[in-house]
Amino acid sequence: MSAYEDATSRFFLSFGFNNCQGAPGNQLPADVFRRGLVNLRDDILKPKSTWSSFMINGTSHTMLADDFLFYEKEVEGMYLYEWIQKLMDGEIMHVSE
């Protein structure tokens, strides 16, 4: 699970950007991070039968610790807590905004 513009992950990944010269302001550009997540989901995870994904818009990093994101934010008709339960039950799905 990830937010498309996850600020924390973009910070850590910024150091490897531009042949390890780093990203401006130590922040991987949001569009680069988003394209990477979409590529990961569509080209690497979806073809495998054992992976699921839950992706939302925004800069959040810790969705499990945010009551709104966990219980109230609906994505494709599903809440994060429901996705996690289905994941634990062995269901495989890709949910994204």
PDB file of N, CA and C in Angstrom:
ATOM      1  N   MET A   1       0.843  -1.170   0.000  1.00  0.00           N
ATOM      2  CA  MET A   1       0.000   0.000   0.000  1.00  0.00           C
ATOM      3  C   MET A   1       0.884   1.227   0.000  1.00  0.00           C
ATOM      4  N   SER A   2       0.403   2.253  -0.693  1.00  0.00           N
ATOM      5  CA  SER A   2       1.183   3.474  -0.780  1.00  0.00           C
ATOM      6  C   SER A   2       0.304   4.622  -1.242  1.00  0.00           C
ATOM      7  N   ALA A   3       0.744   5.820  -0.891  1.00  0.00           N
ATOM      8  CA  ALA A   3       0.183   7.026  -1.484  1.00  0.00           C
ATOM      9  C   ALA A   3       1.058   7.380  -2.675  1.00  0.00           C
ATOM     10  N   TYR A   4       0.449   7.843  -3.747  1.00  0.00           N
ATOM     11  CA  TYR A   4       1.194   8.133  -4.970  1.00  0.00           C
ATOM     12  C   TYR A   4       2.263   9.209  -4.793  1.00  0.00           C
ATOM     13  N   GLU A   5       2.091  10.064  -3.808  1.00  0.00           N
ATOM     14  CA  GLU A   5       3.072  11.133  -3.586  1.00  0.00           C
ATOM     15  C   GLU A   5       3.710  11.024  -2.204  1.00  0.00           C
ATOM     16  N   ASP A   6       3.810   9.832  -1.676  1.00  0.00           N
ATOM     17  CA  ASP A   6       4.338   9.572  -0.327  1.00  0.00           C
ATOM     18  C   ASP A   6       5.610  10.384  -0.088  1.00  0.00           C
ATOM     19  N   ALA A   7       5.514  11.388   0.773  1.00  0.00           N
ATOM     20  CA  ALA A   7       6.631  12.314   1.010  1.00  0.00           C
ATOM     21  C   ALA A   7       7.830  11.633   1.673  1.00  0.00           C
ATOM     22  N   THR A   8       7.587  10.724   2.587  1.00  0.00           N
ATOM     23  CA  THR A   8       8.685  10.043   3.274  1.00  0.00           C
ATOM     24  C   THR A   8       9.460   9.142   2.323  1.00  0.00           C
ATOM     25  N   SER A   9       8.762   8.341   1.564  1.00  0.00           N
ATOM     26  CA  SER A   9       9.438   7.463   0.601  1.00  0.00           C
ATOM     27  C   SER A   9      10.158   8.276  -0.461  1.00  0.00           C
ATOM     28  N   ARG A  10       9.550   9.363  -0.894  1.00  0.00           N
ATOM     29  CA  ARG A  10      10.191  10.217  -1.903  1.00  0.00           C
ATOM     30  C   ARG A  10      11.473  10.835  -1.362  1.00  0.00           C
ATOM     31  N   PHE A  11      11.516  11.141  -0.072  1.00  0.00           N
ATOM     32  CA  PHE A  11      12.736  11.661   0.542  1.00  0.00           C
ATOM     33  C   PHE A  11      13.843  10.607   0.494  1.00  0.00           C
ATOM     34  N   PHE A  12      13.534   9.393   0.975  1.00  0.00           N
ATOM     35  CA  PHE A  12      14.564   8.354   1.025  1.00  0.00           C
ATOM     36  C   PHE A  12      15.040   7.949  -0.366  1.00  0.00           C
ATOM     37  N   LEU A  13      14.133   7.908  -1.331  1.00  0.00           N
ATOM     38  CA  LEU A  13      14.514   7.519  -2.688  1.00  0.00           C
ATOM     39  C   LEU A  13      15.212   8.636  -3.450  1.00  0.00           C
ATOM     40  N   SER A  14      15.156   9.851  -2.934  1.00  0.00           N
ATOM     41  CA  SER A  14      15.758  10.982  -3.642  1.00  0.00           C
ATOM     42  C   SER A  14      17.267  10.859  -3.756  1.00  0.00           C
ATOM     43  N   PHE A  15      17.894  10.153  -2.837  1.00  0.00           N
ATOM     44  CA  PHE A  15      19.352  10.068  -2.834  1.00  0.00           C
ATOM     45  C   PHE A  15      19.893   9.255  -4.008  1.00  0.00           C
ATOM     46  N   GLY A  16      19.077   8.370  -4.560  1.00  0.00           N
ATOM     47  CA  GLY A  16      19.505   7.585  -5.714  1.00  0.00           C
ATOM     48  C   GLY A  16      19.108   8.202  -7.040  1.00  0.00           C
ATOM     49  N   PHE A  17      18.415   9.325  -7.000  1.00  0.00           N
ATOM     50  CA  PHE A  17      17.929   9.994  -8.213  1.00  0.00           C
ATOM     51  C   PHE A  17      19.074  10.666  -8.966  1.00  0.00           C
ATOM     52  N   ASN A  18      18.938  10.730 -10.279  1.00  0.00           N
ATOM     53  CA  ASN A  18      19.893  11.448 -11.116  1.00  0.00           C
ATOM     54  C   ASN A  18      21.305  10.870 -10.956  1.00  0.00           C
ATOM     55  N   ASN A  19      21.396   9.547 -11.153  1.00  0.00           N
ATOM     56  CA  ASN A  19      22.684   8.843 -11.010  1.00  0.00           C
ATOM     57  C   ASN A  19      23.330   9.104  -9.654  1.00  0.00           C
ATOM     58  N   CYS A  20      22.516   9.047  -8.613  1.00  0.00           N
ATOM     59  CA  CYS A  20      22.946   9.216  -7.223  1.00  0.00           C
ATOM     60  C   CYS A  20      23.478  10.621  -6.912  1.00  0.00           C
ATOM     61  N   GLN A  21      23.120  11.587  -7.741  1.00  0.00           N
ATOM     62  CA  GLN A  21      23.454  12.976  -7.428  1.00  0.00           C
ATOM     63  C   GLN A  21      22.371  13.602  -6.556  1.00  0.00           C
ATOM     64  N   GLY A  22      21.253  12.922  -6.433  1.00  0.00           N
ATOM     65  CA  GLY A  22      20.173  13.384  -5.573  1.00  0.00           C
ATOM     66  C   GLY A  22      19.147  14.223  -6.316  1.00  0.00           C
ATOM     67  N   ALA A  23      18.014  14.368  -5.692  1.00  0.00           N
ATOM     68  CA  ALA A  23      16.923  15.168  -6.251  1.00  0.00           C
ATOM     69  C   ALA A  23      16.942  16.550  -5.612  1.00  0.00           C
ATOM     70  N   PRO A  24      16.474  17.549  -6.332  1.00  0.00           N
ATOM     71  CA  PRO A  24      16.400  18.898  -5.753  1.00  0.00           C
ATOM     72  C   PRO A  24      15.587  18.892  -4.461  1.00  0.00           C
ATOM     73  N   GLY A  25      16.131  19.507  -3.432  1.00  0.00           N
ATOM     74  CA  GLY A  25      15.435  19.564  -2.145  1.00  0.00           C
ATOM     75  C   GLY A  25      15.300  18.228  -1.457  1.00  0.00           C
ATOM     76  N   ASN A  26      16.111  17.258  -1.853  1.00  0.00           N
ATOM     77  CA  ASN A  26      16.030  15.906  -1.275  1.00  0.00           C
ATOM     78  C   ASN A  26      14.624  15.331  -1.335  1.00  0.00           C
ATOM     79  N   GLN A  27      13.948  15.575  -2.456  1.00  0.00           N
ATOM     80  CA  GLN A  27      12.591  15.060  -2.639  1.00  0.00           C
ATOM     81  C   GLN A  27      12.460  14.549  -4.066  1.00  0.00           C
ATOM     82  N   LEU A  28      12.348  13.237  -4.232  1.00  0.00           N
ATOM     83  CA  LEU A  28      12.120  12.664  -5.553  1.00  0.00           C
ATOM     84  C   LEU A  28      10.871  13.314  -6.133  1.00  0.00           C
ATOM     85  N   PRO A  29      10.908  13.762  -7.376  1.00  0.00           N
ATOM     86  CA  PRO A  29       9.720  14.392  -7.946  1.00  0.00           C
ATOM     87  C   PRO A  29       8.495  13.474  -7.861  1.00  0.00           C
ATOM     88  N   ALA A  30       7.356  14.055  -7.506  1.00  0.00           N
ATOM     89  CA  ALA A  30       6.131  13.279  -7.301  1.00  0.00           C
ATOM     90  C   ALA A  30       5.744  12.487  -8.546  1.00  0.00           C
ATOM     91  N   ASP A  31       5.905  13.074  -9.721  1.00  0.00           N
ATOM     92  CA  ASP A  31       5.512  12.365 -10.942  1.00  0.00           C
ATOM     93  C   ASP A  31       6.419  11.157 -11.201  1.00  0.00           C
ATOM     94  N   VAL A  32       7.686  11.254 -10.845  1.00  0.00           N
ATOM     95  CA  VAL A  32       8.616  10.135 -11.006  1.00  0.00           C
ATOM     96  C   VAL A  32       8.227   9.007 -10.058  1.00  0.00           C
ATOM     97  N   PHE A  33       7.928   9.353  -8.808  1.00  0.00           N
ATOM     98  CA  PHE A  33       7.525   8.344  -7.822  1.00  0.00           C
ATOM     99  C   PHE A  33       6.227   7.668  -8.240  1.00  0.00           C
ATOM    100  N   ARG A  34       5.247   8.460  -8.681  1.00  0.00           N
ATOM    101  CA  ARG A  34       3.954   7.926  -9.107  1.00  0.00           C
ATOM    102  C   ARG A  34       4.134   6.967 -10.289  1.00  0.00           C
ATOM    103  N   ARG A  35       4.918   7.367 -11.280  1.00  0.00           N
ATOM    104  CA  ARG A  35       5.155   6.487 -12.433  1.00  0.00           C
ATOM    105  C   ARG A  35       5.811   5.179 -11.984  1.00  0.00           C
ATOM    106  N   GLY A  36       6.717   5.272 -11.015  1.00  0.00           N
ATOM    107  CA  GLY A  36       7.365   4.074 -10.498  1.00  0.00           C
ATOM    108  C   GLY A  36       6.377   3.147  -9.809  1.00  0.00           C
ATOM    109  N   LEU A  37       5.473   3.716  -9.022  1.00  0.00           N
ATOM    110  CA  LEU A  37       4.459   2.889  -8.350  1.00  0.00           C
ATOM    111  C   LEU A  37       3.515   2.237  -9.351  1.00  0.00           C
ATOM    112  N   VAL A  38       3.088   2.999 -10.346  1.00  0.00           N
ATOM    113  CA  VAL A  38       2.188   2.453 -11.364  1.00  0.00           C
ATOM    114  C   VAL A  38       2.889   1.338 -12.137  1.00  0.00           C
ATOM    115  N   ASN A  39       4.156   1.550 -12.474  1.00  0.00           N
ATOM    116  CA  ASN A  39       4.928   0.517 -13.157  1.00  0.00           C
ATOM    117  C   ASN A  39       5.064  -0.725 -12.279  1.00  0.00           C
ATOM    118  N   LEU A  40       5.377  -0.524 -11.010  1.00  0.00           N
ATOM    119  CA  LEU A  40       5.485  -1.641 -10.072  1.00  0.00           C
ATOM    120  C   LEU A  40       4.178  -2.434 -10.031  1.00  0.00           C
ATOM    121  N   ARG A  41       3.066  -1.714  -9.898  1.00  0.00           N
ATOM    122  CA  ARG A  41       1.760  -2.383  -9.819  1.00  0.00           C
ATOM    123  C   ARG A  41       1.413  -3.100 -11.118  1.00  0.00           C
ATOM    124  N   ASP A  42       1.489  -2.377 -12.245  1.00  0.00           N
ATOM    125  CA  ASP A  42       0.983  -2.902 -13.514  1.00  0.00           C
ATOM    126  C   ASP A  42       1.916  -3.897 -14.191  1.00  0.00           C
ATOM    127  N   ASP A  43       3.220  -3.674 -14.088  1.00  0.00           N
ATOM    128  CA  ASP A  43       4.153  -4.505 -14.840  1.00  0.00           C
ATOM    129  C   ASP A  43       4.860  -5.572 -14.012  1.00  0.00           C
ATOM    130  N   ILE A  44       4.889  -5.394 -12.695  1.00  0.00           N
ATOM    131  CA  ILE A  44       5.603  -6.364 -11.863  1.00  0.00           C
ATOM    132  C   ILE A  44       4.642  -7.134 -10.950  1.00  0.00           C
ATOM    133  N   LEU A  45       3.765  -6.424 -10.231  1.00  0.00           N
ATOM    134  CA  LEU A  45       2.895  -7.102  -9.272  1.00  0.00           C
ATOM    135  C   LEU A  45       1.689  -7.792  -9.904  1.00  0.00           C
ATOM    136  N   LYS A  46       0.977  -7.107 -10.796  1.00  0.00           N
ATOM    137  CA  LYS A  46      -0.240  -7.692 -11.377  1.00  0.00           C
ATOM    138  C   LYS A  46       0.007  -9.008 -12.097  1.00  0.00           C
ATOM    139  N   PRO A  47       1.086  -9.124 -12.881  1.00  0.00           N
ATOM    140  CA  PRO A  47       1.310 -10.411 -13.553  1.00  0.00           C
ATOM    141  C   PRO A  47       1.568 -11.573 -12.584  1.00  0.00           C
ATOM    142  N   LYS A  48       2.020 -11.281 -11.389  1.00  0.00           N
ATOM    143  CA  LYS A  48       2.232 -12.325 -10.389  1.00  0.00           C
ATOM    144  C   LYS A  48       0.888 -12.593  -9.710  1.00  0.00           C
ATOM    145  N   SER A  49       0.645 -13.779  -9.308  1.00  0.00           N
ATOM    146  CA  SER A  49      -0.660 -14.101  -8.728  1.00  0.00           C
ATOM    147  C   SER A  49      -0.701 -13.938  -7.214  1.00  0.00           C
ATOM    148  N   THR A  50       0.392 -13.537  -6.595  1.00  0.00           N
ATOM    149  CA  THR A  50       0.423 -13.515  -5.135  1.00  0.00           C
ATOM    150  C   THR A  50       0.520 -12.117  -4.543  1.00  0.00           C
ATOM    151  N   TRP A  51       0.356 -11.073  -5.346  1.00  0.00           N
ATOM    152  CA  TRP A  51       0.515  -9.713  -4.855  1.00  0.00           C
ATOM    153  C   TRP A  51      -0.788  -8.940  -4.949  1.00  0.00           C
ATOM    154  N   SER A  52      -0.984  -8.024  -4.014  1.00  0.00           N
ATOM    155  CA  SER A  52      -2.103  -7.089  -4.033  1.00  0.00           C
ATOM    156  C   SER A  52      -1.551  -5.689  -3.816  1.00  0.00           C
ATOM    157  N   SER A  53      -2.331  -4.687  -4.180  1.00  0.00           N
ATOM    158  CA  SER A  53      -1.889  -3.312  -3.949  1.00  0.00           C
ATOM    159  C   SER A  53      -3.086  -2.431  -3.610  1.00  0.00           C
ATOM    160  N   PHE A  54      -2.812  -1.409  -2.817  1.00  0.00           N
ATOM    161  CA  PHE A  54      -3.814  -0.404  -2.438  1.00  0.00           C
ATOM    162  C   PHE A  54      -3.099   0.934  -2.525  1.00  0.00           C
ATOM    163  N   MET A  55      -3.485   1.760  -3.507  1.00  0.00           N
ATOM    164  CA  MET A  55      -2.784   3.018  -3.736  1.00  0.00           C
ATOM    165  C   MET A  55      -3.767   4.182  -3.758  1.00  0.00           C
ATOM    166  N   ILE A  56      -3.357   5.260  -3.072  1.00  0.00           N
ATOM    167  CA  ILE A  56      -4.222   6.431  -2.962  1.00  0.00           C
ATOM    168  C   ILE A  56      -3.456   7.685  -3.388  1.00  0.00           C
ATOM    169  N   ASN A  57      -4.192   8.723  -3.692  1.00  0.00           N
ATOM    170  CA  ASN A  57      -3.587  10.023  -3.952  1.00  0.00           C
ATOM    171  C   ASN A  57      -3.147  10.633  -2.630  1.00  0.00           C
ATOM    172  N   GLY A  58      -2.149  11.497  -2.670  1.00  0.00           N
ATOM    173  CA  GLY A  58      -1.720  12.201  -1.474  1.00  0.00           C
ATOM    174  C   GLY A  58      -0.290  11.902  -1.093  1.00  0.00           C
ATOM    175  N   THR A  59       0.141  12.521   0.008  1.00  0.00           N
ATOM    176  CA  THR A  59       1.530  12.421   0.462  1.00  0.00           C
ATOM    177  C   THR A  59       1.684  11.551   1.708  1.00  0.00           C
ATOM    178  N   SER A  60       0.620  10.918   2.161  1.00  0.00           N
ATOM    179  CA  SER A  60       0.653  10.115   3.393  1.00  0.00           C
ATOM    180  C   SER A  60       1.681   8.999   3.307  1.00  0.00           C
ATOM    181  N   HIS A  61       2.226   8.667   4.460  1.00  0.00           N
ATOM    182  CA  HIS A  61       3.181   7.565   4.529  1.00  0.00           C
ATOM    183  C   HIS A  61       2.664   6.444   5.426  1.00  0.00           C
ATOM    184  N   THR A  62       1.970   6.783   6.469  1.00  0.00           N
ATOM    185  CA  THR A  62       1.514   5.779   7.437  1.00  0.00           C
ATOM    186  C   THR A  62      -0.006   5.701   7.430  1.00  0.00           C
ATOM    187  N   MET A  63      -0.560   4.994   6.491  1.00  0.00           N
ATOM    188  CA  MET A  63      -2.013   4.870   6.363  1.00  0.00           C
ATOM    189  C   MET A  63      -2.641   4.092   7.514  1.00  0.00           C
ATOM    190  N   LEU A  64      -1.903   3.164   8.080  1.00  0.00           N
ATOM    191  CA  LEU A  64      -2.472   2.345   9.153  1.00  0.00           C
ATOM    192  C   LEU A  64      -2.671   3.126  10.438  1.00  0.00           C
ATOM    193  N   ALA A  65      -1.950   4.212  10.607  1.00  0.00           N
ATOM    194  CA  ALA A  65      -2.040   5.004  11.830  1.00  0.00           C
ATOM    195  C   ALA A  65      -2.984   6.191  11.688  1.00  0.00           C
ATOM    196  N   ASP A  66      -3.666   6.306  10.578  1.00  0.00           N
ATOM    197  CA  ASP A  66      -4.561   7.426  10.311  1.00  0.00           C
ATOM    198  C   ASP A  66      -5.997   6.904  10.243  1.00  0.00           C
ATOM    199  N   ASP A  67      -6.815   7.240  11.234  1.00  0.00           N
ATOM    200  CA  ASP A  67      -8.189   6.727  11.287  1.00  0.00           C
ATOM    201  C   ASP A  67      -8.981   7.046  10.026  1.00  0.00           C
ATOM    202  N   PHE A  68      -8.807   8.254   9.488  1.00  0.00           N
ATOM    203  CA  PHE A  68      -9.542   8.606   8.276  1.00  0.00           C
ATOM    204  C   PHE A  68      -9.142   7.690   7.119  1.00  0.00           C
ATOM    205  N   LEU A  69      -7.843   7.544   6.892  1.00  0.00           N
ATOM    206  CA  LEU A  69      -7.390   6.708   5.785  1.00  0.00           C
ATOM    207  C   LEU A  69      -7.744   5.236   5.999  1.00  0.00           C
ATOM    208  N   PHE A  70      -7.706   4.785   7.226  1.00  0.00           N
ATOM    209  CA  PHE A  70      -7.955   3.366   7.518  1.00  0.00           C
ATOM    210  C   PHE A  70      -9.442   3.011   7.460  1.00  0.00           C
ATOM    211  N   TYR A  71     -10.292   3.873   8.033  1.00  0.00           N
ATOM    212  CA  TYR A  71     -11.708   3.539   8.170  1.00  0.00           C
ATOM    213  C   TYR A  71     -12.657   4.302   7.247  1.00  0.00           C
ATOM    214  N   GLU A  72     -12.273   5.477   6.776  1.00  0.00           N
ATOM    215  CA  GLU A  72     -13.241   6.336   6.103  1.00  0.00           C
ATOM    216  C   GLU A  72     -12.954   6.642   4.642  1.00  0.00           C
ATOM    217  N   LYS A  73     -11.723   6.514   4.192  1.00  0.00           N
ATOM    218  CA  LYS A  73     -11.393   6.827   2.795  1.00  0.00           C
ATOM    219  C   LYS A  73     -11.759   5.634   1.926  1.00  0.00           C
ATOM    220  N   GLU A  74     -12.691   5.867   1.026  1.00  0.00           N
ATOM    221  CA  GLU A  74     -13.167   4.804   0.154  1.00  0.00           C
ATOM    222  C   GLU A  74     -12.474   4.903  -1.206  1.00  0.00           C
ATOM    223  N   VAL A  75     -11.919   3.796  -1.655  1.00  0.00           N
ATOM    224  CA  VAL A  75     -11.241   3.726  -2.941  1.00  0.00           C
ATOM    225  C   VAL A  75     -11.834   2.549  -3.710  1.00  0.00           C
ATOM    226  N   GLU A  76     -12.373   2.830  -4.879  1.00  0.00           N
ATOM    227  CA  GLU A  76     -13.026   1.797  -5.695  1.00  0.00           C
ATOM    228  C   GLU A  76     -14.037   0.998  -4.878  1.00  0.00           C
ATOM    229  N   GLY A  77     -14.792   1.695  -4.012  1.00  0.00           N
ATOM    230  CA  GLY A  77     -15.818   1.040  -3.211  1.00  0.00           C
ATOM    231  C   GLY A  77     -15.300   0.233  -2.038  1.00  0.00           C
ATOM    232  N   MET A  78     -14.043   0.408  -1.682  1.00  0.00           N
ATOM    233  CA  MET A  78     -13.458  -0.373  -0.590  1.00  0.00           C
ATOM    234  C   MET A  78     -12.669   0.527   0.354  1.00  0.00           C
ATOM    235  N   TYR A  79     -12.739   0.195   1.639  1.00  0.00           N
ATOM    236  CA  TYR A  79     -11.957   0.884   2.656  1.00  0.00           C
ATOM    237  C   TYR A  79     -10.679   0.089   2.904  1.00  0.00           C
ATOM    238  N   LEU A  80      -9.660   0.763   3.402  1.00  0.00           N
ATOM    239  CA  LEU A  80      -8.382   0.099   3.645  1.00  0.00           C
ATOM    240  C   LEU A  80      -8.534  -1.078   4.608  1.00  0.00           C
ATOM    241  N   TYR A  81      -9.306  -0.915   5.675  1.00  0.00           N
ATOM    242  CA  TYR A  81      -9.467  -2.024   6.627  1.00  0.00           C
ATOM    243  C   TYR A  81     -10.108  -3.238   5.954  1.00  0.00           C
ATOM    244  N   GLU A  82     -11.009  -3.003   4.983  1.00  0.00           N
ATOM    245  CA  GLU A  82     -11.624  -4.116   4.250  1.00  0.00           C
ATOM    246  C   GLU A  82     -10.597  -4.797   3.343  1.00  0.00           C
ATOM    247  N   TRP A  83      -9.765  -3.971   2.684  1.00  0.00           N
ATOM    248  CA  TRP A  83      -8.734  -4.520   1.805  1.00  0.00           C
ATOM    249  C   TRP A  83      -7.784  -5.402   2.598  1.00  0.00           C
ATOM    250  N   ILE A  84      -7.390  -4.934   3.785  1.00  0.00           N
ATOM    251  CA  ILE A  84      -6.479  -5.715   4.630  1.00  0.00           C
ATOM    252  C   ILE A  84      -7.126  -7.034   5.042  1.00  0.00           C
ATOM    253  N   GLN A  85      -8.404  -7.007   5.409  1.00  0.00           N
ATOM    254  CA  GLN A  85      -9.094  -8.250   5.780  1.00  0.00           C
ATOM    255  C   GLN A  85      -9.133  -9.217   4.604  1.00  0.00           C
ATOM    256  N   LYS A  86      -9.458  -8.712   3.418  1.00  0.00           N
ATOM    257  CA  LYS A  86      -9.484  -9.567   2.233  1.00  0.00           C
ATOM    258  C   LYS A  86      -8.084 -10.117   1.928  1.00  0.00           C
ATOM    259  N   LEU A  87      -7.078  -9.286   2.117  1.00  0.00           N
ATOM    260  CA  LEU A  87      -5.692  -9.720   1.925  1.00  0.00           C
ATOM    261  C   LEU A  87      -5.364 -10.860   2.887  1.00  0.00           C
ATOM    262  N   MET A  88      -5.761 -10.708   4.144  1.00  0.00           N
ATOM    263  CA  MET A  88      -5.518 -11.748   5.151  1.00  0.00           C
ATOM    264  C   MET A  88      -6.299 -13.021   4.844  1.00  0.00           C
ATOM    265  N   ASP A  89      -7.432 -12.865   4.154  1.00  0.00           N
ATOM    266  CA  ASP A  89      -8.239 -14.030   3.766  1.00  0.00           C
ATOM    267  C   ASP A  89      -7.728 -14.687   2.486  1.00  0.00           C
ATOM    268  N   GLY A  90      -6.652 -14.140   1.929  1.00  0.00           N
ATOM    269  CA  GLY A  90      -6.045 -14.733   0.753  1.00  0.00           C
ATOM    270  C   GLY A  90      -6.546 -14.193  -0.574  1.00  0.00           C
ATOM    271  N   GLU A  91      -7.378 -13.171  -0.547  1.00  0.00           N
ATOM    272  CA  GLU A  91      -7.863 -12.582  -1.792  1.00  0.00           C
ATOM    273  C   GLU A  91      -6.798 -11.660  -2.376  1.00  0.00           C
ATOM    274  N   ILE A  92      -6.709 -11.662  -3.668  1.00  0.00           N
ATOM    275  CA  ILE A  92      -5.724 -10.844  -4.361  1.00  0.00           C
ATOM    276  C   ILE A  92      -6.464  -9.789  -5.162  1.00  0.00           C
ATOM    277  N   MET A  93      -6.085  -8.518  -4.935  1.00  0.00           N
ATOM    278  CA  MET A  93      -6.751  -7.443  -5.659  1.00  0.00           C
ATOM    279  C   MET A  93      -5.857  -6.204  -5.706  1.00  0.00           C
ATOM    280  N   HIS A  94      -6.121  -5.386  -6.676  1.00  0.00           N
ATOM    281  CA  HIS A  94      -5.396  -4.132  -6.843  1.00  0.00           C
ATOM    282  C   HIS A  94      -6.429  -3.024  -6.813  1.00  0.00           C
ATOM    283  N   VAL A  95      -6.328  -2.182  -5.802  1.00  0.00           N
ATOM    284  CA  VAL A  95      -7.267  -1.073  -5.579  1.00  0.00           C
ATOM    285  C   VAL A  95      -6.486   0.219  -5.686  1.00  0.00           C
ATOM    286  N   SER A  96      -6.970   1.157  -6.493  1.00  0.00           N
ATOM    287  CA  SER A  96      -6.245   2.420  -6.615  1.00  0.00           C
ATOM    288  C   SER A  96      -7.173   3.543  -7.062  1.00  0.00           C
ATOM    289  N   GLU A  97      -6.749   4.761  -6.664  1.00  0.00           N
ATOM    290  CA  GLU A  97      -7.472   5.947  -7.103  1.00  0.00           C
ATOM    291  C   GLU A  97      -6.993   6.309  -8.492  1.00  0.00           C
TER     292      GLU A  97
END
